[in-house]
Protein backbone atom coordinates (compact mmCIF):
# COMPACT_ATOMS: atom_id res chain seq x y z
CA MET A 1 108.52 156.50 112.09
CA ASP A 2 104.91 155.78 111.86
CA ALA A 3 105.00 154.34 108.50
CA ARG A 4 107.61 151.84 109.70
CA GLU A 5 105.78 150.96 112.87
CA ALA A 6 102.54 150.14 110.83
CA ALA A 7 104.48 148.04 108.50
CA LEU A 8 106.34 145.84 111.33
CA ARG A 9 102.86 145.51 113.24
CA GLN A 10 101.46 144.14 109.96
CA ALA A 11 104.13 141.82 109.47
CA TYR A 12 103.99 140.72 113.25
CA ASP A 13 100.27 140.29 112.61
CA HIS A 14 100.45 137.74 109.83
CA ALA A 15 103.79 136.06 111.33
CA VAL A 16 101.40 135.42 114.55
CA ARG A 17 98.46 134.10 112.54
CA TRP A 18 100.87 132.19 110.19
CA LEU A 19 102.60 130.36 113.17
CA ALA A 20 99.45 129.63 114.90
CA SER A 21 97.97 127.92 111.71
CA LEU A 22 100.88 125.08 111.44
CA SER A 23 99.05 122.58 114.34
CA ASP A 24 96.14 121.95 112.00
CA ARG A 25 96.50 123.55 108.48
CA PRO A 26 97.55 121.58 105.58
CA VAL A 27 101.45 120.94 105.12
CA PRO A 28 101.84 121.21 101.41
CA ALA A 29 100.88 124.55 99.57
CA ARG A 30 97.36 124.86 98.08
CA ALA A 31 98.19 127.54 95.47
CA SER A 32 100.30 127.35 92.32
CA VAL A 33 103.00 129.61 90.92
CA ASP A 34 100.75 131.44 88.47
CA GLU A 35 97.89 131.61 90.96
CA ILE A 36 99.86 133.72 93.13
CA VAL A 37 101.58 135.81 90.44
CA ARG A 38 98.11 136.86 89.53
CA ALA A 39 97.09 137.48 93.14
CA LEU A 40 100.58 139.79 93.85
CA GLY A 41 100.27 141.78 90.12
CA THR A 42 102.57 141.98 87.51
CA ALA A 43 102.83 145.85 86.72
CA LEU A 44 104.87 147.97 88.83
CA PRO A 45 103.05 150.60 90.08
CA ASP A 46 103.73 154.00 88.91
CA GLY A 47 104.09 155.68 92.48
CA PRO A 48 104.70 154.74 95.94
CA SER A 49 102.57 152.63 98.22
CA PRO A 50 102.02 152.63 102.16
CA PRO A 51 104.44 149.77 103.85
CA ALA A 52 101.91 148.42 105.59
CA ASP A 53 99.62 148.05 102.61
CA VAL A 54 102.79 146.24 100.70
CA VAL A 55 103.20 143.77 103.74
CA ASP A 56 99.75 143.31 103.78
CA LEU A 57 99.83 142.15 99.96
CA LEU A 58 102.15 139.90 100.09
CA ALA A 59 101.43 138.03 103.36
CA THR A 60 98.04 137.61 101.96
CA ALA A 61 98.47 137.08 98.20
CA GLY A 62 101.45 134.85 99.08
CA GLU A 63 100.17 132.59 102.03
CA PRO A 64 98.34 129.84 100.30
CA GLY A 65 101.04 129.50 98.41
CA LEU A 66 103.28 128.84 101.20
CA THR A 67 104.23 125.09 102.31
CA ALA A 68 104.47 124.71 106.17
CA PHE A 69 108.20 123.82 106.45
CA PRO A 70 107.83 125.11 110.17
CA SER A 71 105.16 122.79 110.83
CA GLY A 72 105.62 119.81 113.14
CA ARG A 73 104.52 117.43 110.29
CA PHE A 74 106.66 118.40 107.73
CA PHE A 75 109.39 115.31 107.01
CA GLY A 76 110.53 115.93 103.46
CA PHE A 77 113.61 117.38 103.77
CA VAL A 78 116.14 117.82 106.92
CA ILE A 79 115.06 121.19 107.48
CA GLY A 80 114.25 122.62 111.12
CA GLY A 81 111.98 125.19 112.21
CA GLY A 82 112.32 128.32 113.99
CA GLU A 83 113.35 127.68 117.81
CA PRO A 84 111.27 130.80 119.86
CA ALA A 85 114.34 132.56 121.34
CA ALA A 86 116.49 132.13 117.81
CA LEU A 87 113.04 133.14 115.90
CA ALA A 88 112.54 136.54 117.84
CA THR A 89 116.46 137.23 117.49
CA ASP A 90 116.59 136.64 113.83
CA TRP A 91 113.71 139.40 113.65
CA LEU A 92 116.18 141.77 115.79
CA VAL A 93 118.95 140.81 113.35
CA SER A 94 116.91 142.46 110.20
CA ALA A 95 115.77 145.56 112.94
CA TRP A 96 119.58 146.25 113.95
CA ASP A 97 120.97 145.67 110.26
CA GLN A 98 124.63 145.60 111.23
CA ASN A 99 127.14 145.48 109.22
CA SER A 100 128.74 142.25 110.73
CA VAL A 101 132.37 141.84 109.29
CA MET A 102 134.57 143.94 111.93
CA ARG A 103 134.65 144.18 115.33
CA ALA A 104 135.31 147.63 115.04
CA ALA A 105 132.17 148.10 113.35
CA SER A 106 129.79 146.08 115.45
CA PRO A 107 131.15 145.12 118.77
CA ALA A 108 128.07 143.53 119.80
CA TYR A 109 128.14 141.01 116.60
CA ALA A 110 131.87 140.16 117.20
CA ALA A 111 131.28 139.74 120.82
CA VAL A 112 127.84 137.29 120.30
CA GLU A 113 130.19 135.41 117.17
CA GLU A 114 132.92 134.60 119.59
CA ILE A 115 130.53 133.66 122.64
CA ALA A 116 128.37 131.18 120.34
CA GLY A 117 131.47 129.87 118.24
CA ALA A 118 133.14 128.85 122.01
CA TRP A 119 129.59 127.04 122.95
CA LEU A 120 129.79 125.42 119.72
CA LEU A 121 133.12 123.99 119.96
CA ASP A 122 132.18 122.91 123.61
CA LEU A 123 128.94 121.18 122.32
CA LEU A 124 130.06 119.31 119.60
CA GLY A 125 133.33 118.17 121.42
CA LEU A 126 135.68 119.90 119.01
CA PRO A 127 138.94 121.56 119.44
CA ASP A 128 139.25 124.37 121.58
CA GLY A 129 140.63 127.17 119.53
CA SER A 130 139.41 126.35 116.50
CA SER A 131 138.04 129.08 114.17
CA VAL A 132 134.17 129.06 113.41
CA GLY A 133 132.57 131.03 110.59
CA PHE A 134 128.96 131.89 110.28
CA THR A 135 127.88 130.70 106.51
CA THR A 136 124.52 130.69 104.33
CA GLY A 137 124.38 126.99 104.87
CA ALA A 138 125.99 123.56 104.60
CA THR A 139 127.03 124.18 101.03
CA MET A 140 129.01 127.33 101.77
CA ALA A 141 130.52 125.55 105.06
CA ASN A 142 131.58 122.93 103.25
CA PHE A 143 133.06 124.89 100.45
CA THR A 144 134.65 127.24 103.08
CA CYS A 145 136.38 124.23 105.16
CA LEU A 146 137.58 122.97 101.85
CA ALA A 147 138.93 125.82 100.51
CA ALA A 148 141.10 126.02 103.66
CA GLY A 149 142.13 122.44 102.97
CA ARG A 150 142.63 122.83 99.78
CA ASP A 151 145.10 126.09 100.46
CA ALA A 152 146.81 124.24 103.15
CA VAL A 153 147.81 120.66 101.18
CA LEU A 154 149.36 122.96 98.71
CA ARG A 155 151.09 125.14 100.88
CA ARG A 156 152.74 121.75 101.83
CA VAL A 157 154.28 121.06 98.69
CA GLY A 158 155.00 125.02 98.10
CA ARG A 159 152.41 126.27 95.84
CA ASP A 160 150.61 129.40 97.21
CA VAL A 161 147.09 129.07 96.03
CA ALA A 162 146.30 132.75 96.74
CA ARG A 163 149.41 134.41 94.78
CA ASP A 164 149.59 131.60 92.01
CA GLY A 165 145.93 130.58 91.45
CA LEU A 166 145.62 126.70 90.48
CA ALA A 167 146.57 126.75 86.85
CA GLY A 168 149.81 124.61 86.53
CA GLY A 169 150.35 124.15 89.98
CA PRO A 170 150.15 120.48 91.36
CA ALA A 171 146.71 118.08 91.20
CA VAL A 172 144.74 118.11 94.39
CA ARG A 173 143.00 114.82 95.06
CA VAL A 174 139.76 114.77 96.83
CA VAL A 175 138.55 111.44 98.24
CA ALA A 176 134.72 110.62 99.73
CA GLY A 177 132.61 107.83 100.24
CA ALA A 178 130.31 106.80 97.45
CA ASP A 179 127.17 107.97 99.55
CA ARG A 180 128.68 111.54 100.34
CA HIS A 181 125.94 114.36 99.97
CA MET A 182 125.88 116.30 96.55
CA ALA A 183 126.71 119.39 98.21
CA VAL A 184 130.10 118.03 98.97
CA ASP A 185 130.35 117.85 95.05
CA LEU A 186 129.09 121.16 94.23
CA ALA A 187 131.54 122.94 97.04
CA LEU A 188 134.49 120.88 95.04
CA ARG A 189 133.11 122.15 91.87
CA TYR A 190 133.32 125.90 93.21
CA LEU A 191 136.46 125.36 94.08
CA GLY A 192 137.67 124.26 90.75
CA LEU A 193 138.68 120.60 92.53
CA GLY A 194 136.10 118.65 89.98
CA ARG A 195 134.63 115.59 91.46
CA PRO A 196 135.99 113.15 94.06
CA ASP A 197 137.02 109.58 93.66
CA LEU A 198 134.64 107.57 95.23
CA VAL A 199 135.40 105.11 97.95
CA GLU A 200 133.32 102.08 98.82
CA ALA A 201 130.53 102.30 101.10
CA ASP A 202 128.57 99.55 103.27
CA ASP A 203 125.05 99.12 102.83
CA GLN A 204 124.29 101.77 105.07
CA GLY A 205 126.33 104.54 103.25
CA ARG A 206 129.44 104.35 105.60
CA ILE A 207 132.84 104.75 104.21
CA ARG A 208 135.09 101.37 104.20
CA PRO A 209 138.18 102.24 105.70
CA GLU A 210 140.19 99.76 104.08
CA ALA A 211 138.99 100.44 100.54
CA LEU A 212 139.44 104.10 101.50
CA ARG A 213 143.12 103.24 102.06
CA HIS A 214 143.17 101.54 98.94
CA THR A 215 141.96 104.29 97.19
CA LEU A 216 144.62 106.55 98.92
CA ALA A 217 147.37 104.59 98.15
CA ALA A 218 146.26 104.38 94.26
CA GLY A 219 147.33 108.36 93.96
CA GLN A 220 149.76 110.57 95.12
CA GLY A 221 150.16 114.17 95.87
CA PRO A 222 148.38 116.57 98.15
CA ALA A 223 144.84 115.02 99.04
CA LEU A 224 141.54 115.79 101.05
CA VAL A 225 139.15 113.21 102.43
CA VAL A 226 135.93 113.75 103.03
CA LEU A 227 134.02 111.88 105.91
CA GLN A 228 130.57 112.23 107.06
CA ALA A 229 128.31 112.61 109.87
CA GLY A 230 124.83 111.38 109.03
CA ASP A 231 123.94 109.93 106.20
CA ILE A 232 121.00 111.80 103.82
CA HIS A 233 119.34 108.51 103.88
CA SER A 234 119.98 105.83 106.51
CA GLY A 235 121.69 108.68 109.09
CA ALA A 236 124.52 106.72 109.64
CA PHE A 237 128.01 107.91 110.44
CA ASP A 238 131.28 107.29 109.04
CA PRO A 239 134.05 105.02 111.24
CA PHE A 240 135.74 108.08 112.23
CA PRO A 241 139.16 106.43 114.21
CA GLU A 242 139.68 104.16 111.68
CA SER A 243 139.13 106.42 108.78
CA VAL A 244 140.88 109.70 110.02
CA ARG A 245 143.77 107.18 110.56
CA VAL A 246 144.28 105.90 107.21
CA ALA A 247 143.59 109.37 105.98
CA ARG A 248 146.79 110.60 108.25
CA GLU A 249 148.73 107.99 106.95
CA ALA A 250 148.45 109.61 103.33
CA GLU A 251 149.13 112.99 105.16
CA ALA A 252 145.40 114.32 103.85
CA TRP A 253 143.40 116.84 105.08
CA VAL A 254 140.60 115.62 106.95
CA HIS A 255 136.90 117.40 106.54
CA VAL A 256 133.70 116.12 107.48
CA ASP A 257 130.45 117.08 106.34
CA GLY A 258 128.28 116.82 109.32
CA ALA A 259 125.12 118.96 107.95
CA PHE A 260 122.54 117.59 110.45
CA GLY A 261 124.77 114.36 112.44
CA LEU A 262 127.10 116.59 114.03
CA TRP A 263 124.84 117.89 116.96
CA ALA A 264 124.89 114.21 118.09
CA ALA A 265 128.04 114.92 119.90
CA ALA A 266 125.81 117.21 121.93
CA SER A 267 123.80 114.31 123.55
CA PRO A 268 125.50 111.81 125.75
CA ARG A 269 123.12 109.23 124.44
CA TYR A 270 124.29 109.59 120.51
CA ALA A 271 128.22 111.34 121.22
CA ALA A 272 129.11 107.78 120.37
CA LEU A 273 128.27 108.20 116.87
CA THR A 274 130.75 110.92 116.33
CA ALA A 275 133.64 109.53 118.49
CA GLY A 276 136.88 110.04 116.48
CA CYS A 277 135.30 112.67 114.36
CA GLU A 278 137.04 115.82 116.26
CA GLN A 279 140.20 114.28 115.20
CA ALA A 280 139.32 115.70 111.57
CA ASP A 281 140.77 119.14 110.41
CA SER A 282 137.52 120.85 109.85
CA TRP A 283 133.79 120.11 110.34
CA ALA A 284 130.66 121.85 108.44
CA THR A 285 127.27 121.80 109.51
CA ASP A 286 124.01 123.45 109.60
CA ALA A 287 122.46 125.26 112.23
CA HIS A 288 119.06 126.04 110.87
CA LYS A 289 118.74 121.75 110.84
CA THR A 290 119.50 120.01 114.06
CA LEU A 291 119.71 123.51 116.02
CA ASN A 292 116.26 124.77 114.45
CA VAL A 293 117.58 128.55 113.94
CA PRO A 294 115.69 130.35 111.03
CA TYR A 295 117.78 130.40 107.71
CA ASP A 296 120.31 131.30 106.74
CA CYS A 297 123.04 129.61 108.85
CA GLY A 298 125.72 126.90 108.16
CA LEU A 299 128.84 126.80 110.46
CA ALA A 300 132.22 126.16 109.29
CA ILE A 301 134.77 125.08 112.01
CA VAL A 302 138.37 124.83 111.01
CA ARG A 303 140.77 123.40 113.48
CA ASP A 304 143.57 125.93 112.36
CA PRO A 305 142.58 129.33 112.18
CA ALA A 306 145.48 130.24 110.24
CA ALA A 307 144.84 128.14 107.40
CA LEU A 308 140.87 129.27 107.64
CA ARG A 309 142.41 133.02 107.98
CA ALA A 310 144.53 132.40 105.00
CA ALA A 311 141.81 130.66 102.75
CA MET A 312 139.10 133.64 103.74
CA GLY A 313 140.61 136.40 104.61
CA LEU A 314 140.82 139.96 102.65
CA ARG A 315 142.40 143.22 103.28
CA GLY A 316 140.70 146.62 102.19
CA ASP A 317 142.25 149.98 102.93
CA TYR A 318 138.78 151.37 103.68
CA LEU A 319 138.01 148.67 106.42
CA ILE A 320 139.18 148.59 110.05
CA HIS A 321 141.17 145.55 110.81
CA ASP A 322 141.50 144.21 114.22
CA ALA A 323 144.99 142.45 115.08
CA LEU A 324 142.78 139.82 116.54
CA GLY A 325 141.12 138.81 113.51
CA ASP A 326 137.61 139.85 112.20
CA PRO A 327 134.66 137.88 111.10
CA VAL A 328 135.15 138.76 107.98
CA ASP A 329 138.35 136.57 107.96
CA LYS A 330 136.15 133.36 108.11
CA VAL A 331 133.73 133.18 105.28
CA PRO A 332 133.26 134.18 101.70
CA GLU A 333 130.98 137.15 102.03
CA LEU A 334 131.86 140.35 102.86
CA SER A 335 127.93 141.24 102.90
CA ARG A 336 126.00 139.47 105.36
CA ARG A 337 123.70 139.05 108.13
CA GLY A 338 124.57 138.73 111.84
CA ARG A 339 124.21 134.86 111.73
CA ALA A 340 125.46 134.56 114.98
CA PHE A 341 122.55 136.34 116.92
CA PRO A 342 120.09 133.33 116.52
CA VAL A 343 122.56 131.00 117.17
CA TRP A 344 123.48 132.67 120.47
CA ALA A 345 120.02 132.87 121.27
CA ALA A 346 118.96 129.28 120.57
CA LEU A 347 121.94 128.07 122.72
CA ARG A 348 121.33 130.45 125.45
CA SER A 349 117.61 129.47 125.64
CA LEU A 350 118.21 125.70 125.55
CA GLY A 351 121.41 125.41 127.29
CA ARG A 352 123.69 122.68 127.25
CA SER A 353 120.60 119.90 128.71
CA GLY A 354 118.11 121.51 126.11
CA VAL A 355 119.99 120.70 122.95
CA ALA A 356 120.57 117.07 124.52
CA ASP A 357 117.09 117.12 124.70
CA LEU A 358 116.47 118.52 121.64
CA VAL A 359 118.70 115.77 119.35
CA GLU A 360 117.30 112.76 121.50
CA ARG A 361 113.66 113.98 120.82
CA LEU A 362 114.02 113.96 117.19
CA CYS A 363 115.84 110.35 117.61
CA ARG A 364 113.04 109.41 119.29
CA HIS A 365 110.37 110.73 116.89
CA ALA A 366 112.38 108.71 114.09
CA THR A 367 112.32 105.56 116.30
CA ALA A 368 108.45 105.39 116.17
CA PHE A 369 107.99 106.42 112.75
CA ALA A 370 110.37 103.19 111.90
CA ALA A 371 107.66 101.02 114.41
CA GLY A 372 104.68 102.51 113.10
CA ILE A 373 105.72 101.91 109.17
CA ALA A 374 107.08 98.14 110.13
CA ARG A 375 103.45 97.45 110.95
CA ILE A 376 102.12 98.35 107.92
CA ASP A 377 101.43 95.70 105.31
CA GLY A 378 103.74 95.45 102.56
CA ALA A 379 106.32 98.06 104.19
CA THR A 380 109.69 97.68 104.77
CA VAL A 381 112.20 99.80 106.74
CA LEU A 382 115.17 99.76 104.87
CA ASN A 383 118.04 101.52 106.72
CA ASP A 384 119.38 100.95 110.66
CA VAL A 385 117.69 104.01 112.34
CA VAL A 386 120.60 105.00 114.12
CA PHE A 387 119.69 109.04 114.41
CA THR A 388 116.68 111.01 112.46
CA GLN A 389 116.30 109.46 109.06
CA VAL A 390 113.86 106.91 108.08
CA CYS A 391 113.52 105.03 104.91
CA ALA A 392 110.97 102.57 103.32
CA ASP A 393 109.07 101.23 100.51
CA PHE A 394 105.68 99.42 100.09
CA GLY A 395 106.66 96.49 98.34
CA ASP A 396 107.56 97.58 94.81
CA GLU A 397 108.69 100.80 93.17
CA ALA A 398 105.23 101.62 91.42
CA ARG A 399 103.39 101.50 94.68
CA THR A 400 105.91 103.21 96.92
CA GLU A 401 105.32 105.88 93.85
CA ARG A 402 101.58 105.74 94.55
CA VAL A 403 102.09 105.80 98.59
CA LEU A 404 103.80 108.90 98.11
CA ALA A 405 101.42 110.73 95.79
CA ARG A 406 98.29 109.96 97.73
CA LEU A 407 100.17 111.32 100.89
CA LEU A 408 100.85 114.77 99.61
CA ASP A 409 97.36 114.59 98.11
CA ASP A 410 95.95 113.88 101.63
CA GLY A 411 98.09 116.93 103.28
CA THR A 412 98.11 115.81 106.46
CA THR A 413 102.41 115.44 106.21
CA TRP A 414 104.86 115.96 103.94
CA ILE A 415 107.21 113.39 103.14
CA SER A 416 108.86 112.82 99.81
CA GLY A 417 110.59 110.38 97.66
CA SER A 418 114.16 109.60 96.93
CA THR A 419 116.19 106.96 95.03
CA TRP A 420 118.64 105.02 97.58
CA HIS A 421 120.74 101.75 96.36
CA GLY A 422 118.69 102.05 93.19
CA ARG A 423 115.42 101.78 94.71
CA ARG A 424 112.49 104.09 95.25
CA VAL A 425 112.04 105.11 98.89
CA MET A 426 109.89 107.14 101.16
CA ARG A 427 112.53 109.34 103.07
CA ILE A 428 111.51 110.71 106.49
CA SER A 429 113.79 113.62 108.10
CA VAL A 430 112.86 114.35 111.42
CA SER A 431 114.11 117.66 112.45
CA ASN A 432 111.83 120.10 113.58
CA TRP A 433 111.74 121.24 117.46
CA SER A 434 108.24 121.61 117.30
CA THR A 435 107.24 117.68 116.43
CA THR A 436 105.66 116.40 119.18
CA GLU A 437 104.26 112.36 119.24
CA ASP A 438 100.61 113.61 118.27
CA ASP A 439 102.67 114.95 114.78
CA VAL A 440 104.13 111.40 114.48
CA THR A 441 101.17 109.68 115.15
CA ARG A 442 99.08 111.73 112.65
CA ALA A 443 101.60 111.40 109.89
CA LEU A 444 101.53 107.74 110.29
CA ASP A 445 97.73 107.89 110.41
CA ALA A 446 98.09 109.43 106.87
CA ILE A 447 100.93 106.88 105.68
CA ARG A 448 98.31 104.18 106.63
CA ARG A 449 95.62 105.38 105.14
CA ALA A 450 97.92 106.17 101.47
CA ALA A 451 99.20 102.55 101.73
CA ALA A 452 95.60 101.43 102.35
CA ALA A 453 94.56 102.75 98.97
CA ALA A 454 97.55 102.25 96.94
């Protein structure tokens, strides 16, 4: 017990110092992989080491190689920070070390997952009674939902995937917008469904309902339609009422990839962006993005619990199954962390108004970025800033690349590049609960310096 307490105290001290440094430290890592390897050493010790010493070595050697992802000045990817209650609860998750797959094995976890799931449906405006599974992230949330959809549409034509597999059965068509996220393609690859048929999108990445109608009419057989809430470049939302109506005419399963954008529904100011989304059959999102719980925590939500259970459920003679169902029936993994604990903590800490304020604050910062960049000579904001994403360029591709490189060298912020509509862009994602107006001002000042030097 003494060794364990000493290691935990060492970890706590390092964690507190790390978090305290985030307001002022450079955002990019300051050491390379090779430097960290040398600091840690490559020889496996012949004997044991005190746990506290091991923690100290890792924290001390690794700290220069850490990127300040939790900083309020990180805007490179859609990555949230650790909301305080969720972060502290995540430490408890490791200490409690629960097997989170059965109601009988961990009643505390099952209760918290049930409560958190109901709260999420309420906040996101999704149908009561939908099943909520807690996955590693949005990729596996998409996988889980699309697995339920794949099996459901095949059952309609008499194919039992669990019994017969996919080989020799009817082909399942998947139709998605041209600007869908790559995680959708990856999930489809895992599911043996291949690449989706792509539908024309508008200049903001929104699927065109009439083009969707045409694509669906051009084929036949079981179909899945993938819509998105929040384009990764523009933040735009597909027109859900029209798109869902078209998909229903083709008797398709409708899935919404809402990794960060589904949370717009929690804000009265932005909920209109998701109007009609609740008519879909399944939804995927990330709690470690807009909600700001620690990694890893995706959410797979399926309207029909029986469809999810048919795709994900399993039985084992040694397991203790509950007639009401178990967490294991809703996600792919049998062994996993108690992911619902930090989600419950974040929701309980923030409350309904706090979640709405978080969403609106992130959007307000994105709007400030767009306004500030628009005033820089040669800079152009390329998207309609409707949510938390901003894309811009600086006149030509070469200059945009120079601005991005100088920005990372400066270290004040991390804003990365991307390619959108065939042109190189600066892409800003505002996702962190701790980002302040001062963080945005400092980042804009760094962008101005980089643009002036480029």
